[in-house]
Amino acid sequence: MNERGAVFFYRTATILAGLVAALAVISYFLNAPRGMPIVSIAALTLAAVIWISGWAGRHLIAGR
């Protein structure tokens, strides 16, 4: 049961991180025609932190 819960936790975190990263990329392309093509480093950092938390949580929950 722990293995399935760990994988579910990791996949959920990965999907959430992907959504945050996708929103950062969409924001970049929407702002580019206005002359403000700024990559949101904060959003990409947040996505990385979410993904790493999911990765670490998977290993902690599974007991690896």
N, C-alpha and C. Protein backbone atom coordinates (compact mmCIF):
# COMPACT_ATOMS: atom_id res chain seq x y z
N MET A 1 0.82 -1.20 0.00
CA MET A 1 0.00 0.00 0.00
C MET A 1 0.86 1.26 0.00
N ASN A 2 1.96 1.22 0.72
CA ASN A 2 2.82 2.40 0.76
C ASN A 2 3.42 2.71 -0.60
N GLU A 3 3.73 1.67 -1.36
CA GLU A 3 4.32 1.89 -2.68
C GLU A 3 3.33 2.61 -3.61
N ARG A 4 2.06 2.18 -3.57
CA ARG A 4 1.06 2.83 -4.42
C ARG A 4 0.82 4.27 -3.98
N GLY A 5 0.77 4.51 -2.68
CA GLY A 5 0.59 5.86 -2.17
C GLY A 5 1.76 6.75 -2.53
N ALA A 6 2.96 6.18 -2.50
CA ALA A 6 4.16 6.95 -2.84
C ALA A 6 4.14 7.34 -4.31
N VAL A 7 3.77 6.41 -5.16
CA VAL A 7 3.72 6.70 -6.60
C VAL A 7 2.63 7.73 -6.89
N PHE A 8 1.49 7.61 -6.22
CA PHE A 8 0.41 8.58 -6.40
C PHE A 8 0.87 9.97 -5.98
N PHE A 9 1.56 10.06 -4.86
CA PHE A 9 2.07 11.35 -4.37
C PHE A 9 3.03 11.96 -5.39
N TYR A 10 3.93 11.15 -5.91
CA TYR A 10 4.91 11.62 -6.88
C TYR A 10 4.24 12.08 -8.17
N ARG A 11 3.30 11.30 -8.66
CA ARG A 11 2.63 11.66 -9.91
C ARG A 11 1.80 12.94 -9.75
N THR A 12 1.15 13.09 -8.61
CA THR A 12 0.38 14.30 -8.35
C THR A 12 1.29 15.52 -8.31
N ALA A 13 2.42 15.39 -7.63
CA ALA A 13 3.37 16.50 -7.57
C ALA A 13 3.94 16.81 -8.95
N THR A 14 4.19 15.79 -9.74
CA THR A 14 4.73 16.00 -11.09
C THR A 14 3.72 16.72 -11.97
N ILE A 15 2.46 16.33 -11.89
CA ILE A 15 1.41 16.99 -12.68
C ILE A 15 1.27 18.45 -12.25
N LEU A 16 1.27 18.69 -10.95
CA LEU A 16 1.16 20.06 -10.44
C LEU A 16 2.36 20.90 -10.88
N ALA A 17 3.55 20.35 -10.80
CA ALA A 17 4.75 21.07 -11.23
C ALA A 17 4.69 21.36 -12.73
N GLY A 18 4.19 20.40 -13.50
CA GLY A 18 4.05 20.60 -14.94
C GLY A 18 3.07 21.71 -15.27
N LEU A 19 1.98 21.78 -14.51
CA LEU A 19 1.01 22.85 -14.73
C LEU A 19 1.60 24.22 -14.41
N VAL A 20 2.35 24.31 -13.32
CA VAL A 20 2.99 25.58 -12.96
C VAL A 20 3.99 25.99 -14.03
N ALA A 21 4.80 25.04 -14.50
CA ALA A 21 5.77 25.35 -15.55
C ALA A 21 5.08 25.74 -16.85
N ALA A 22 3.99 25.05 -17.18
CA ALA A 22 3.24 25.38 -18.40
C ALA A 22 2.66 26.79 -18.31
N LEU A 23 2.15 27.17 -17.15
CA LEU A 23 1.63 28.52 -16.99
C LEU A 23 2.73 29.57 -17.14
N ALA A 24 3.92 29.26 -16.67
CA ALA A 24 5.05 30.19 -16.83
C ALA A 24 5.40 30.36 -18.31
N VAL A 25 5.39 29.27 -19.05
CA VAL A 25 5.71 29.33 -20.48
C VAL A 25 4.61 30.07 -21.24
N ILE A 26 3.35 29.79 -20.91
CA ILE A 26 2.23 30.48 -21.56
C ILE A 26 2.31 31.98 -21.28
N SER A 27 2.63 32.33 -20.06
CA SER A 27 2.76 33.74 -19.69
C SER A 27 3.87 34.41 -20.51
N TYR A 28 4.96 33.69 -20.71
CA TYR A 28 6.07 34.23 -21.51
C TYR A 28 5.59 34.54 -22.93
N PHE A 29 4.91 33.59 -23.56
CA PHE A 29 4.48 33.79 -24.94
C PHE A 29 3.36 34.82 -25.07
N LEU A 30 2.53 34.96 -24.05
CA LEU A 30 1.49 35.98 -24.11
C LEU A 30 2.07 37.39 -23.94
N ASN A 31 3.14 37.50 -23.18
CA ASN A 31 3.75 38.81 -22.95
C ASN A 31 4.80 39.18 -24.00
N ALA A 32 5.24 38.25 -24.81
CA ALA A 32 6.27 38.53 -25.81
C ALA A 32 5.83 39.56 -26.84
N PRO A 33 4.62 39.50 -27.39
CA PRO A 33 4.22 40.51 -28.37
C PRO A 33 4.13 41.92 -27.77
N ARG A 34 3.96 42.02 -26.49
CA ARG A 34 3.88 43.33 -25.85
C ARG A 34 5.25 43.92 -25.55
N GLY A 35 6.30 43.18 -25.88
CA GLY A 35 7.65 43.66 -25.62
C GLY A 35 8.14 43.35 -24.22
N MET A 36 7.45 42.45 -23.53
CA MET A 36 7.83 42.09 -22.17
C MET A 36 8.02 40.58 -22.05
N PRO A 37 8.91 39.99 -22.86
CA PRO A 37 9.08 38.53 -22.77
C PRO A 37 9.95 38.16 -21.56
N ILE A 38 9.32 38.11 -20.40
CA ILE A 38 10.05 37.84 -19.17
C ILE A 38 9.71 36.41 -18.73
N VAL A 39 10.75 35.60 -18.56
CA VAL A 39 10.56 34.25 -18.06
C VAL A 39 10.43 34.35 -16.55
N SER A 40 9.37 33.80 -16.02
CA SER A 40 9.14 33.86 -14.58
C SER A 40 10.02 32.83 -13.87
N ILE A 41 11.15 33.31 -13.38
CA ILE A 41 12.08 32.44 -12.67
C ILE A 41 11.42 31.92 -11.39
N ALA A 42 10.61 32.76 -10.74
CA ALA A 42 9.94 32.33 -9.51
C ALA A 42 8.99 31.17 -9.78
N ALA A 43 8.26 31.23 -10.87
CA ALA A 43 7.31 30.15 -11.20
C ALA A 43 8.06 28.87 -11.55
N LEU A 44 9.14 28.99 -12.30
CA LEU A 44 9.91 27.79 -12.65
C LEU A 44 10.61 27.20 -11.43
N THR A 45 11.05 28.06 -10.52
CA THR A 45 11.66 27.58 -9.28
C THR A 45 10.61 26.87 -8.43
N LEU A 46 9.41 27.43 -8.36
CA LEU A 46 8.32 26.79 -7.63
C LEU A 46 8.01 25.43 -8.22
N ALA A 47 7.98 25.33 -9.54
CA ALA A 47 7.71 24.05 -10.19
C ALA A 47 8.81 23.03 -9.83
N ALA A 48 10.05 23.48 -9.81
CA ALA A 48 11.15 22.58 -9.45
C ALA A 48 11.04 22.12 -8.00
N VAL A 49 10.69 23.04 -7.11
CA VAL A 49 10.54 22.69 -5.69
C VAL A 49 9.40 21.70 -5.50
N ILE A 50 8.29 21.89 -6.20
CA ILE A 50 7.16 20.96 -6.11
C ILE A 50 7.58 19.59 -6.61
N TRP A 51 8.28 19.54 -7.73
CA TRP A 51 8.69 18.26 -8.28
C TRP A 51 9.68 17.55 -7.36
N ILE A 52 10.65 18.28 -6.84
CA ILE A 52 11.64 17.68 -5.94
C ILE A 52 10.96 17.19 -4.65
N SER A 53 9.98 17.94 -4.16
CA SER A 53 9.24 17.51 -2.97
C SER A 53 8.51 16.20 -3.25
N GLY A 54 7.91 16.10 -4.41
CA GLY A 54 7.23 14.86 -4.79
C GLY A 54 8.19 13.69 -4.92
N TRP A 55 9.35 13.95 -5.50
CA TRP A 55 10.37 12.91 -5.67
C TRP A 55 10.87 12.44 -4.31
N ALA A 56 11.19 13.38 -3.43
CA ALA A 56 11.67 13.02 -2.10
C ALA A 56 10.57 12.35 -1.28
N GLY A 57 9.35 12.85 -1.39
CA GLY A 57 8.23 12.24 -0.67
C GLY A 57 7.98 10.82 -1.11
N ARG A 58 8.13 10.56 -2.40
CA ARG A 58 7.94 9.20 -2.90
C ARG A 58 8.92 8.24 -2.23
N HIS A 59 10.16 8.66 -2.13
CA HIS A 59 11.17 7.80 -1.52
C HIS A 59 10.98 7.66 -0.01
N LEU A 60 10.53 8.73 0.63
CA LEU A 60 10.30 8.65 2.08
C LEU A 60 9.08 7.80 2.41
N ILE A 61 8.01 7.95 1.63
CA ILE A 61 6.78 7.18 1.89
C ILE A 61 7.02 5.69 1.59
N ALA A 62 7.75 5.42 0.51
CA ALA A 62 7.98 4.03 0.13
C ALA A 62 9.03 3.37 1.03
N GLY A 63 9.80 4.18 1.75
CA GLY A 63 10.81 3.62 2.65
C GLY A 63 12.08 3.17 1.95
N ARG A 64 12.41 3.82 0.86
CA ARG A 64 13.63 3.45 0.13
C ARG A 64 14.82 4.17 0.68
